PDB file of all heavy atoms in Angstrom:
ATOM      1  N   TRP A   1      -2.410  17.420 -25.771  1.00  0.00           N
ATOM      2  CA  TRP A   1      -1.651  18.684 -25.610  1.00  0.00           C
ATOM      3  C   TRP A   1      -0.235  18.379 -25.218  1.00  0.00           C
ATOM      4  O   TRP A   1       0.696  19.025 -25.711  1.00  0.00           O
ATOM      5  CB  TRP A   1      -2.337  19.538 -24.609  1.00  0.00           C
ATOM      6  CG  TRP A   1      -3.713  20.008 -25.012  1.00  0.00           C
ATOM      7  CD1 TRP A   1      -4.907  19.392 -24.794  1.00  0.00           C
ATOM      8  CD2 TRP A   1      -4.006  21.212 -25.692  1.00  0.00           C
ATOM      9  NE1 TRP A   1      -5.913  20.080 -25.333  1.00  0.00           N
ATOM     10  CE2 TRP A   1      -5.450  21.257 -25.881  1.00  0.00           C
ATOM     11  CE3 TRP A   1      -3.251  22.304 -26.155  1.00  0.00           C
ATOM     12  CZ2 TRP A   1      -6.083  22.271 -26.478  1.00  0.00           C
ATOM     13  CZ3 TRP A   1      -3.906  23.340 -26.812  1.00  0.00           C
ATOM     14  CH2 TRP A   1      -5.309  23.359 -26.986  1.00  0.00           C
ATOM     15  N   VAL A   2      -0.027  17.431 -24.293  1.00  0.00           N
ATOM     16  CA  VAL A   2       1.307  17.068 -23.857  1.00  0.00           C
ATOM     17  C   VAL A   2       2.139  16.509 -25.041  1.00  0.00           C
ATOM     18  O   VAL A   2       3.321  16.858 -25.225  1.00  0.00           O
ATOM     19  CB  VAL A   2       1.266  16.015 -22.720  1.00  0.00           C
ATOM     20  CG1 VAL A   2       2.661  15.548 -22.336  1.00  0.00           C
ATOM     21  CG2 VAL A   2       0.566  16.659 -21.477  1.00  0.00           C
ATOM     22  N   GLU A   3       1.511  15.670 -25.821  1.00  0.00           N
ATOM     23  CA  GLU A   3       2.211  15.058 -26.988  1.00  0.00           C
ATOM     24  C   GLU A   3       2.610  16.168 -27.977  1.00  0.00           C
ATOM     25  O   GLU A   3       3.711  16.167 -28.507  1.00  0.00           O
ATOM     26  CB  GLU A   3       1.317  14.055 -27.719  1.00  0.00           C
ATOM     27  CG  GLU A   3       1.209  12.717 -26.956  1.00  0.00           C
ATOM     28  CD  GLU A   3       2.550  12.089 -26.692  1.00  0.00           C
ATOM     29  OE1 GLU A   3       3.347  12.044 -27.640  1.00  0.00           O
ATOM     30  OE2 GLU A   3       2.815  11.696 -25.552  1.00  0.00           O
ATOM     31  N   ALA A   4       1.736  17.123 -28.233  1.00  0.00           N
ATOM     32  CA  ALA A   4       2.049  18.219 -29.116  1.00  0.00           C
ATOM     33  C   ALA A   4       3.191  19.072 -28.548  1.00  0.00           C
ATOM     34  O   ALA A   4       4.125  19.503 -29.291  1.00  0.00           O
ATOM     35  CB  ALA A   4       0.827  19.112 -29.390  1.00  0.00           C
ATOM     36  N   TYR A   5       3.151  19.312 -27.261  1.00  0.00           N
ATOM     37  CA  TYR A   5       4.201  20.095 -26.607  1.00  0.00           C
ATOM     38  C   TYR A   5       5.528  19.341 -26.706  1.00  0.00           C
ATOM     39  O   TYR A   5       6.600  19.935 -27.021  1.00  0.00           O
ATOM     40  CB  TYR A   5       3.853  20.259 -25.129  1.00  0.00           C
ATOM     41  CG  TYR A   5       4.768  21.208 -24.358  1.00  0.00           C
ATOM     42  CD1 TYR A   5       4.364  22.506 -24.074  1.00  0.00           C
ATOM     43  CD2 TYR A   5       6.045  20.796 -23.919  1.00  0.00           C
ATOM     44  CE1 TYR A   5       5.216  23.340 -23.366  1.00  0.00           C
ATOM     45  CE2 TYR A   5       6.860  21.635 -23.238  1.00  0.00           C
ATOM     46  CZ  TYR A   5       6.456  22.949 -22.972  1.00  0.00           C
ATOM     47  OH  TYR A   5       7.267  23.801 -22.259  1.00  0.00           O
ATOM     48  N   ARG A   6       5.506  18.040 -26.477  1.00  0.00           N
ATOM     49  CA  ARG A   6       6.728  17.225 -26.572  1.00  0.00           C
ATOM     50  C   ARG A   6       7.339  17.315 -27.966  1.00  0.00           C
ATOM     51  O   ARG A   6       8.547  17.436 -28.085  1.00  0.00           O
ATOM     52  CB  ARG A   6       6.397  15.779 -26.167  1.00  0.00           C
ATOM     53  CG  ARG A   6       7.582  14.892 -26.017  1.00  0.00           C
ATOM     54  CD  ARG A   6       7.165  13.491 -25.542  1.00  0.00           C
ATOM     55  NE  ARG A   6       6.809  13.432 -24.138  1.00  0.00           N
ATOM     56  CZ  ARG A   6       5.595  13.025 -23.684  1.00  0.00           C
ATOM     57  NH1 ARG A   6       4.678  12.633 -24.522  1.00  0.00           N
ATOM     58  NH2 ARG A   6       5.377  13.012 -22.398  1.00  0.00           N
ATOM     59  N   ARG A   7       6.495  17.258 -28.964  1.00  0.00           N
ATOM     60  CA  ARG A   7       7.039  17.371 -30.347  1.00  0.00           C
ATOM     61  C   ARG A   7       7.676  18.714 -30.643  1.00  0.00           C
ATOM     62  O   ARG A   7       8.625  18.836 -31.383  1.00  0.00           O
ATOM     63  CB  ARG A   7       5.866  17.123 -31.360  1.00  0.00           C
ATOM     64  CG  ARG A   7       5.342  15.719 -31.439  1.00  0.00           C
ATOM     65  CD  ARG A   7       4.481  15.496 -32.677  1.00  0.00           C
ATOM     66  NE  ARG A   7       3.354  16.420 -32.707  1.00  0.00           N
ATOM     67  CZ  ARG A   7       2.160  16.158 -32.169  1.00  0.00           C
ATOM     68  NH1 ARG A   7       1.959  14.983 -31.570  1.00  0.00           N
ATOM     69  NH2 ARG A   7       1.189  17.027 -32.256  1.00  0.00           N
ATOM     70  N   ASP A   8       7.128  19.764 -30.032  1.00  0.00           N
ATOM     71  CA  ASP A   8       7.613  21.105 -30.322  1.00  0.00           C
ATOM     72  C   ASP A   8       8.701  21.614 -29.391  1.00  0.00           C
ATOM     73  O   ASP A   8       9.305  22.659 -29.620  1.00  0.00           O
ATOM     74  CB  ASP A   8       6.437  22.124 -30.242  1.00  0.00           C
ATOM     75  CG  ASP A   8       5.415  21.953 -31.348  1.00  0.00           C
ATOM     76  OD1 ASP A   8       5.816  21.420 -32.406  1.00  0.00           O
ATOM     77  OD2 ASP A   8       4.238  22.233 -31.148  1.00  0.00           O
ATOM     78  N   CYS A   9       9.000  20.890 -28.312  1.00  0.00           N
ATOM     79  CA  CYS A   9       9.902  21.390 -27.313  1.00  0.00           C
ATOM     80  C   CYS A   9      11.397  21.285 -27.766  1.00  0.00           C
ATOM     81  O   CYS A   9      11.877  20.247 -28.108  1.00  0.00           O
ATOM     82  CB  CYS A   9       9.751  20.571 -26.018  1.00  0.00           C
ATOM     83  SG  CYS A   9      10.743  21.179 -24.622  1.00  0.00           S
ATOM     84  N   VAL A  10      12.072  22.449 -27.765  1.00  0.00           N
ATOM     85  CA  VAL A  10      13.439  22.482 -28.211  1.00  0.00           C
ATOM     86  C   VAL A  10      14.412  22.008 -27.144  1.00  0.00           C
ATOM     87  O   VAL A  10      15.580  21.745 -27.462  1.00  0.00           O
ATOM     88  CB  VAL A  10      13.880  23.936 -28.600  1.00  0.00           C
ATOM     89  CG1 VAL A  10      13.037  24.405 -29.761  1.00  0.00           C
ATOM     90  CG2 VAL A  10      13.762  24.887 -27.437  1.00  0.00           C
ATOM     91  N   ASN A  11      13.977  21.845 -25.919  1.00  0.00           N
ATOM     92  CA  ASN A  11      14.900  21.409 -24.873  1.00  0.00           C
ATOM     93  C   ASN A  11      15.283  19.960 -24.956  1.00  0.00           C
ATOM     94  O   ASN A  11      16.418  19.615 -24.587  1.00  0.00           O
ATOM     95  CB  ASN A  11      14.213  21.634 -23.467  1.00  0.00           C
ATOM     96  CG  ASN A  11      13.813  23.030 -23.220  1.00  0.00           C
ATOM     97  OD1 ASN A  11      12.828  23.511 -23.792  1.00  0.00           O
ATOM     98  ND2 ASN A  11      14.535  23.726 -22.333  1.00  0.00           N
ATOM     99  N   LEU A  12      14.406  19.127 -25.447  1.00  0.00           N
ATOM    100  CA  LEU A  12      14.596  17.660 -25.332  1.00  0.00           C
ATOM    101  C   LEU A  12      15.840  17.193 -26.156  1.00  0.00           C
ATOM    102  O   LEU A  12      16.006  17.588 -27.322  1.00  0.00           O
ATOM    103  CB  LEU A  12      13.342  16.937 -25.816  1.00  0.00           C
ATOM    104  CG  LEU A  12      12.104  17.247 -24.963  1.00  0.00           C
ATOM    105  CD1 LEU A  12      10.909  16.351 -25.439  1.00  0.00           C
ATOM    106  CD2 LEU A  12      12.347  17.114 -23.510  1.00  0.00           C
ATOM    107  N   GLY A  13      16.616  16.376 -25.481  1.00  0.00           N
ATOM    108  CA  GLY A  13      17.819  15.804 -26.091  1.00  0.00           C
ATOM    109  C   GLY A  13      18.974  16.782 -26.115  1.00  0.00           C
ATOM    110  O   GLY A  13      20.017  16.447 -26.727  1.00  0.00           O
ATOM    111  N   ARG A  14      18.874  17.869 -25.416  1.00  0.00           N
ATOM    112  CA  ARG A  14      19.919  18.872 -25.474  1.00  0.00           C
ATOM    113  C   ARG A  14      20.428  19.190 -24.063  1.00  0.00           C
ATOM    114  O   ARG A  14      19.704  19.043 -23.117  1.00  0.00           O
ATOM    115  CB  ARG A  14      19.430  20.180 -26.153  1.00  0.00           C
ATOM    116  CG  ARG A  14      18.945  19.966 -27.552  1.00  0.00           C
ATOM    117  CD  ARG A  14      18.349  21.217 -28.158  1.00  0.00           C
ATOM    118  NE  ARG A  14      19.356  22.267 -28.357  1.00  0.00           N
ATOM    119  CZ  ARG A  14      19.113  23.419 -29.038  1.00  0.00           C
ATOM    120  NH1 ARG A  14      17.894  23.645 -29.469  1.00  0.00           N
ATOM    121  NH2 ARG A  14      20.068  24.297 -29.222  1.00  0.00           N
ATOM    122  N   PRO A  15      21.675  19.628 -23.982  1.00  0.00           N
ATOM    123  CA  PRO A  15      22.202  20.092 -22.681  1.00  0.00           C
ATOM    124  C   PRO A  15      21.437  21.365 -22.258  1.00  0.00           C
ATOM    125  O   PRO A  15      21.177  22.230 -23.050  1.00  0.00           O
ATOM    126  CB  PRO A  15      23.665  20.442 -22.979  1.00  0.00           C
ATOM    127  CG  PRO A  15      23.995  19.754 -24.247  1.00  0.00           C
ATOM    128  CD  PRO A  15      22.678  19.733 -25.040  1.00  0.00           C
ATOM    129  N   VAL A  16      21.090  21.389 -20.997  1.00  0.00           N
ATOM    130  CA  VAL A  16      20.426  22.564 -20.417  1.00  0.00           C
ATOM    131  C   VAL A  16      21.099  22.994 -19.133  1.00  0.00           C
ATOM    132  O   VAL A  16      21.853  22.213 -18.543  1.00  0.00           O
ATOM    133  CB  VAL A  16      18.905  22.283 -20.154  1.00  0.00           C
ATOM    134  CG1 VAL A  16      18.152  21.992 -21.445  1.00  0.00           C
ATOM    135  CG2 VAL A  16      18.728  21.119 -19.173  1.00  0.00           C
ATOM    136  N   ARG A  17      20.857  24.192 -18.760  1.00  0.00           N
ATOM    137  CA  ARG A  17      21.374  24.705 -17.511  1.00  0.00           C
ATOM    138  C   ARG A  17      20.192  25.057 -16.626  1.00  0.00           C
ATOM    139  O   ARG A  17      19.345  25.859 -17.023  1.00  0.00           O
ATOM    140  CB  ARG A  17      22.258  25.942 -17.746  1.00  0.00           C
ATOM    141  CG  ARG A  17      22.731  26.603 -16.521  1.00  0.00           C
ATOM    142  CD  ARG A  17      23.693  27.763 -16.846  1.00  0.00           C
ATOM    143  NE  ARG A  17      24.944  27.225 -17.411  1.00  0.00           N
ATOM    144  CZ  ARG A  17      25.868  28.037 -17.993  1.00  0.00           C
ATOM    145  NH1 ARG A  17      25.649  29.315 -18.099  1.00  0.00           N
ATOM    146  NH2 ARG A  17      26.984  27.485 -18.464  1.00  0.00           N
ATOM    147  N   LEU A  18      20.130  24.498 -15.451  1.00  0.00           N
ATOM    148  CA  LEU A  18      19.066  24.721 -14.508  1.00  0.00           C
ATOM    149  C   LEU A  18      19.491  25.946 -13.654  1.00  0.00           C
ATOM    150  O   LEU A  18      20.498  25.859 -12.972  1.00  0.00           O
ATOM    151  CB  LEU A  18      18.834  23.490 -13.658  1.00  0.00           C
ATOM    152  CG  LEU A  18      18.626  22.155 -14.387  1.00  0.00           C
ATOM    153  CD1 LEU A  18      18.379  21.038 -13.407  1.00  0.00           C
ATOM    154  CD2 LEU A  18      17.507  22.247 -15.412  1.00  0.00           C
ATOM    155  N   LEU A  19      18.718  26.962 -13.721  1.00  0.00           N
ATOM    156  CA  LEU A  19      19.062  28.168 -12.970  1.00  0.00           C
ATOM    157  C   LEU A  19      18.255  28.217 -11.692  1.00  0.00           C
ATOM    158  O   LEU A  19      17.220  28.890 -11.566  1.00  0.00           O
ATOM    159  CB  LEU A  19      18.757  29.423 -13.863  1.00  0.00           C
ATOM    160  CG  LEU A  19      19.374  29.382 -15.261  1.00  0.00           C
ATOM    161  CD1 LEU A  19      18.989  30.655 -16.034  1.00  0.00           C
ATOM    162  CD2 LEU A  19      20.871  29.264 -15.165  1.00  0.00           C
ATOM    163  N   TRP A  20      18.761  27.450 -10.713  1.00  0.00           N
ATOM    164  CA  TRP A  20      18.133  27.470  -9.392  1.00  0.00           C
ATOM    165  C   TRP A  20      18.363  28.844  -8.727  1.00  0.00           C
ATOM    166  O   TRP A  20      19.230  29.593  -9.167  1.00  0.00           O
ATOM    167  CB  TRP A  20      18.698  26.356  -8.478  1.00  0.00           C
ATOM    168  CG  TRP A  20      18.684  25.018  -9.136  1.00  0.00           C
ATOM    169  CD1 TRP A  20      19.758  24.282  -9.535  1.00  0.00           C
ATOM    170  CD2 TRP A  20      17.582  24.172  -9.382  1.00  0.00           C
ATOM    171  NE1 TRP A  20      19.378  23.079 -10.041  1.00  0.00           N
ATOM    172  CE2 TRP A  20      18.045  22.984  -9.989  1.00  0.00           C
ATOM    173  CE3 TRP A  20      16.174  24.320  -9.183  1.00  0.00           C
ATOM    174  CZ2 TRP A  20      17.171  21.952 -10.368  1.00  0.00           C
ATOM    175  CZ3 TRP A  20      15.343  23.313  -9.580  1.00  0.00           C
ATOM    176  CH2 TRP A  20      15.820  22.176 -10.179  1.00  0.00           C
ATOM    177  N   THR A  21      17.666  29.123  -7.683  1.00  0.00           N
ATOM    178  CA  THR A  21      17.789  30.432  -7.030  1.00  0.00           C
ATOM    179  C   THR A  21      19.172  30.569  -6.394  1.00  0.00           C
ATOM    180  O   THR A  21      19.725  31.693  -6.323  1.00  0.00           O
ATOM    181  CB  THR A  21      16.727  30.600  -5.879  1.00  0.00           C
ATOM    182  OG1 THR A  21      16.861  29.493  -4.988  1.00  0.00           O
ATOM    183  CG2 THR A  21      15.369  30.662  -6.494  1.00  0.00           C
ATOM    184  N   ASP A  22      19.802  29.482  -5.952  1.00  0.00           N
ATOM    185  CA  ASP A  22      21.102  29.600  -5.274  1.00  0.00           C
ATOM    186  C   ASP A  22      22.271  28.984  -6.037  1.00  0.00           C
ATOM    187  O   ASP A  22      23.392  29.009  -5.564  1.00  0.00           O
ATOM    188  CB  ASP A  22      20.980  28.949  -3.879  1.00  0.00           C
ATOM    189  CG  ASP A  22      20.584  27.492  -3.926  1.00  0.00           C
ATOM    190  OD1 ASP A  22      20.104  27.072  -5.003  1.00  0.00           O
ATOM    191  OD2 ASP A  22      20.745  26.796  -2.927  1.00  0.00           O
ATOM    192  N   ARG A  23      21.995  28.372  -7.217  1.00  0.00           N
ATOM    193  CA  ARG A  23      23.118  27.705  -7.882  1.00  0.00           C
ATOM    194  C   ARG A  23      22.700  27.426  -9.360  1.00  0.00           C
ATOM    195  O   ARG A  23      21.526  27.600  -9.740  1.00  0.00           O
ATOM    196  CB  ARG A  23      23.450  26.386  -7.228  1.00  0.00           C
ATOM    197  CG  ARG A  23      22.387  25.309  -7.318  1.00  0.00           C
ATOM    198  CD  ARG A  23      22.701  24.099  -6.449  1.00  0.00           C
ATOM    199  NE  ARG A  23      21.804  22.998  -6.649  1.00  0.00           N
ATOM    200  CZ  ARG A  23      20.573  22.930  -6.201  1.00  0.00           C
ATOM    201  NH1 ARG A  23      20.074  23.908  -5.499  1.00  0.00           N
ATOM    202  NH2 ARG A  23      19.804  21.845  -6.443  1.00  0.00           N
ATOM    203  N   GLN A  24      23.635  26.999 -10.161  1.00  0.00           N
ATOM    204  CA  GLN A  24      23.359  26.560 -11.523  1.00  0.00           C
ATOM    205  C   GLN A  24      23.795  25.109 -11.680  1.00  0.00           C
ATOM    206  O   GLN A  24      24.861  24.738 -11.167  1.00  0.00           O
ATOM    207  CB  GLN A  24      24.082  27.428 -12.525  1.00  0.00           C
ATOM    208  CG  GLN A  24      23.649  28.878 -12.519  1.00  0.00           C
ATOM    209  CD  GLN A  24      24.320  29.705 -13.572  1.00  0.00           C
ATOM    210  OE1 GLN A  24      25.059  29.167 -14.400  1.00  0.00           O
ATOM    211  NE2 GLN A  24      24.053  31.008 -13.557  1.00  0.00           N
ATOM    212  N   THR A  25      23.021  24.323 -12.396  1.00  0.00           N
ATOM    213  CA  THR A  25      23.334  22.928 -12.590  1.00  0.00           C
ATOM    214  C   THR A  25      23.207  22.554 -14.052  1.00  0.00           C
ATOM    215  O   THR A  25      22.245  22.883 -14.708  1.00  0.00           O
ATOM    216  CB  THR A  25      22.403  22.015 -11.739  1.00  0.00           C
ATOM    217  OG1 THR A  25      22.448  22.383 -10.359  1.00  0.00           O
ATOM    218  CG2 THR A  25      22.742  20.539 -11.916  1.00  0.00           C
ATOM    219  N   GLU A  26      24.261  21.842 -14.563  1.00  0.00           N
ATOM    220  CA  GLU A  26      24.198  21.365 -15.907  1.00  0.00           C
ATOM    221  C   GLU A  26      23.410  19.992 -15.944  1.00  0.00           C
ATOM    222  O   GLU A  26      23.507  19.245 -14.999  1.00  0.00           O
ATOM    223  CB  GLU A  26      25.588  21.105 -16.500  1.00  0.00           C
ATOM    224  CG  GLU A  26      26.493  22.363 -16.483  1.00  0.00           C
ATOM    225  CD  GLU A  26      26.000  23.446 -17.416  1.00  0.00           C
ATOM    226  OE1 GLU A  26      25.408  23.077 -18.466  1.00  0.00           O
ATOM    227  OE2 GLU A  26      26.220  24.604 -17.151  1.00  0.00           O
ATOM    228  N   ALA A  27      22.606  19.833 -16.960  1.00  0.00           N
ATOM    229  CA  ALA A  27      21.827  18.560 -17.060  1.00  0.00           C
ATOM    230  C   ALA A  27      21.511  18.344 -18.521  1.00  0.00           C
ATOM    231  O   ALA A  27      21.855  19.120 -19.405  1.00  0.00           O
ATOM    232  CB  ALA A  27      20.531  18.714 -16.232  1.00  0.00           C
ATOM    233  N   GLU A  28      20.764  17.222 -18.789  1.00  0.00           N
ATOM    234  CA  GLU A  28      20.306  16.933 -20.110  1.00  0.00           C
ATOM    235  C   GLU A  28      18.789  16.783 -20.005  1.00  0.00           C
ATOM    236  O   GLU A  28      18.249  16.037 -19.193  1.00  0.00           O
ATOM    237  CB  GLU A  28      20.903  15.640 -20.660  1.00  0.00           C
ATOM    238  CG  GLU A  28      20.371  15.257 -22.036  1.00  0.00           C
ATOM    239  CD  GLU A  28      20.750  13.924 -22.505  1.00  0.00           C
ATOM    240  OE1 GLU A  28      21.405  13.189 -21.703  1.00  0.00           O
ATOM    241  OE2 GLU A  28      20.450  13.555 -23.671  1.00  0.00           O
ATOM    242  N   ALA A  29      18.052  17.488 -20.864  1.00  0.00           N
ATOM    243  CA  ALA A  29      16.589  17.371 -20.915  1.00  0.00           C
ATOM    244  C   ALA A  29      16.188  16.132 -21.683  1.00  0.00           C
ATOM    245  O   ALA A  29      16.647  15.917 -22.804  1.00  0.00           O
ATOM    246  CB  ALA A  29      15.981  18.602 -21.577  1.00  0.00           C
ATOM    247  N   VAL A  30      15.397  15.246 -21.041  1.00  0.00           N
ATOM    248  CA  VAL A  30      15.092  13.959 -21.673  1.00  0.00           C
ATOM    249  C   VAL A  30      13.595  13.753 -21.983  1.00  0.00           C
ATOM    250  O   VAL A  30      13.248  12.920 -22.808  1.00  0.00           O
ATOM    251  CB  VAL A  30      15.603  12.800 -20.802  1.00  0.00           C
ATOM    252  CG1 VAL A  30      17.119  12.874 -20.706  1.00  0.00           C
ATOM    253  CG2 VAL A  30      14.975  12.766 -19.423  1.00  0.00           C
ATOM    254  N   ASP A  31      12.692  14.486 -21.261  1.00  0.00           N
ATOM    255  CA  ASP A  31      11.254  14.192 -21.514  1.00  0.00           C
ATOM    256  C   ASP A  31      10.395  15.293 -20.930  1.00  0.00           C
ATOM    257  O   ASP A  31      10.897  16.175 -20.166  1.00  0.00           O
ATOM    258  CB  ASP A  31      10.867  12.869 -20.913  1.00  0.00           C
ATOM    259  CG  ASP A  31       9.577  12.306 -21.482  1.00  0.00           C
ATOM    260  OD1 ASP A  31       9.074  12.832 -22.459  1.00  0.00           O
ATOM    261  OD2 ASP A  31       9.107  11.280 -20.940  1.00  0.00           O
ATOM    262  N   ILE A  32       9.120  15.312 -21.319  1.00  0.00           N
ATOM    263  CA  ILE A  32       8.078  16.121 -20.732  1.00  0.00           C
ATOM    264  C   ILE A  32       7.092  15.195 -20.063  1.00  0.00           C
ATOM    265  O   ILE A  32       6.593  14.251 -20.728  1.00  0.00           O
ATOM    266  CB  ILE A  32       7.356  16.976 -21.791  1.00  0.00           C
ATOM    267  CG1 ILE A  32       8.348  17.918 -22.494  1.00  0.00           C
ATOM    268  CG2 ILE A  32       6.250  17.776 -21.205  1.00  0.00           C
ATOM    269  CD1 ILE A  32       8.995  18.945 -21.584  1.00  0.00           C
ATOM    270  N   ASP A  33       6.775  15.418 -18.805  1.00  0.00           N
ATOM    271  CA  ASP A  33       5.836  14.502 -18.128  1.00  0.00           C
ATOM    272  C   ASP A  33       4.394  14.916 -18.416  1.00  0.00           C
ATOM    273  O   ASP A  33       4.114  15.881 -19.150  1.00  0.00           O
ATOM    274  CB  ASP A  33       6.151  14.368 -16.647  1.00  0.00           C
ATOM    275  CG  ASP A  33       5.708  15.578 -15.804  1.00  0.00           C
ATOM    276  OD1 ASP A  33       5.132  16.551 -16.353  1.00  0.00           O
ATOM    277  OD2 ASP A  33       5.946  15.529 -14.595  1.00  0.00           O
ATOM    278  N   GLY A  34       3.460  14.198 -17.785  1.00  0.00           N
ATOM    279  CA  GLY A  34       2.024  14.402 -18.093  1.00  0.00           C
ATOM    280  C   GLY A  34       1.483  15.757 -17.623  1.00  0.00           C
ATOM    281  O   GLY A  34       0.361  16.107 -17.999  1.00  0.00           O
ATOM    282  N   GLN A  35       2.227  16.507 -16.828  1.00  0.00           N
ATOM    283  CA  GLN A  35       1.766  17.845 -16.394  1.00  0.00           C
ATOM    284  C   GLN A  35       2.759  18.909 -16.907  1.00  0.00           C
ATOM    285  O   GLN A  35       2.856  19.983 -16.311  1.00  0.00           O
ATOM    286  CB  GLN A  35       1.666  17.905 -14.926  1.00  0.00           C
ATOM    287  CG  GLN A  35       0.527  17.067 -14.326  1.00  0.00           C
ATOM    288  CD  GLN A  35      -0.820  17.593 -14.729  1.00  0.00           C
ATOM    289  OE1 GLN A  35      -1.018  18.829 -14.968  1.00  0.00           O
ATOM    290  NE2 GLN A  35      -1.827  16.717 -14.752  1.00  0.00           N
ATOM    291  N   PHE A  36       3.474  18.620 -17.984  1.00  0.00           N
ATOM    292  CA  PHE A  36       4.396  19.524 -18.647  1.00  0.00           C
ATOM    293  C   PHE A  36       5.622  19.869 -17.806  1.00  0.00           C
ATOM    294  O   PHE A  36       6.325  20.847 -18.052  1.00  0.00           O
ATOM    295  CB  PHE A  36       3.660  20.875 -19.016  1.00  0.00           C
ATOM    296  CG  PHE A  36       2.544  20.650 -19.996  1.00  0.00           C
ATOM    297  CD1 PHE A  36       1.244  20.454 -19.523  1.00  0.00           C
ATOM    298  CD2 PHE A  36       2.792  20.675 -21.355  1.00  0.00           C
ATOM    299  CE1 PHE A  36       0.188  20.286 -20.386  1.00  0.00           C
ATOM    300  CE2 PHE A  36       1.741  20.513 -22.256  1.00  0.00           C
ATOM    301  CZ  PHE A  36       0.411  20.304 -21.766  1.00  0.00           C
ATOM    302  N   GLY A  37       5.910  18.991 -16.842  1.00  0.00           N
ATOM    303  CA  GLY A  37       7.201  19.147 -16.143  1.00  0.00           C
ATOM    304  C   GLY A  37       8.363  18.679 -17.016  1.00  0.00           C
ATOM    305  O   GLY A  37       8.216  17.777 -17.872  1.00  0.00           O
ATOM    306  N   LEU A  38       9.536  19.286 -16.865  1.00  0.00           N
ATOM    307  CA  LEU A  38      10.695  18.932 -17.680  1.00  0.00           C
ATOM    308  C   LEU A  38      11.514  17.888 -16.919  1.00  0.00           C
ATOM    309  O   LEU A  38      12.071  18.156 -15.841  1.00  0.00           O
ATOM    310  CB  LEU A  38      11.554  20.189 -17.922  1.00  0.00           C
ATOM    311  CG  LEU A  38      12.818  19.998 -18.772  1.00  0.00           C
ATOM    312  CD1 LEU A  38      12.433  19.524 -20.196  1.00  0.00           C
ATOM    313  CD2 LEU A  38      13.639  21.261 -18.791  1.00  0.00           C
TER     314      LEU A  38
END
């Protein structure tokens, strides 16, 4: 299931913005871990 998710995930390899409760952070999405964490 993780492998299928990784194949379908549009975030990977792209700039993302992390919308924390108190701030925003720019980052790059690089992988999905074994529990679907980004």
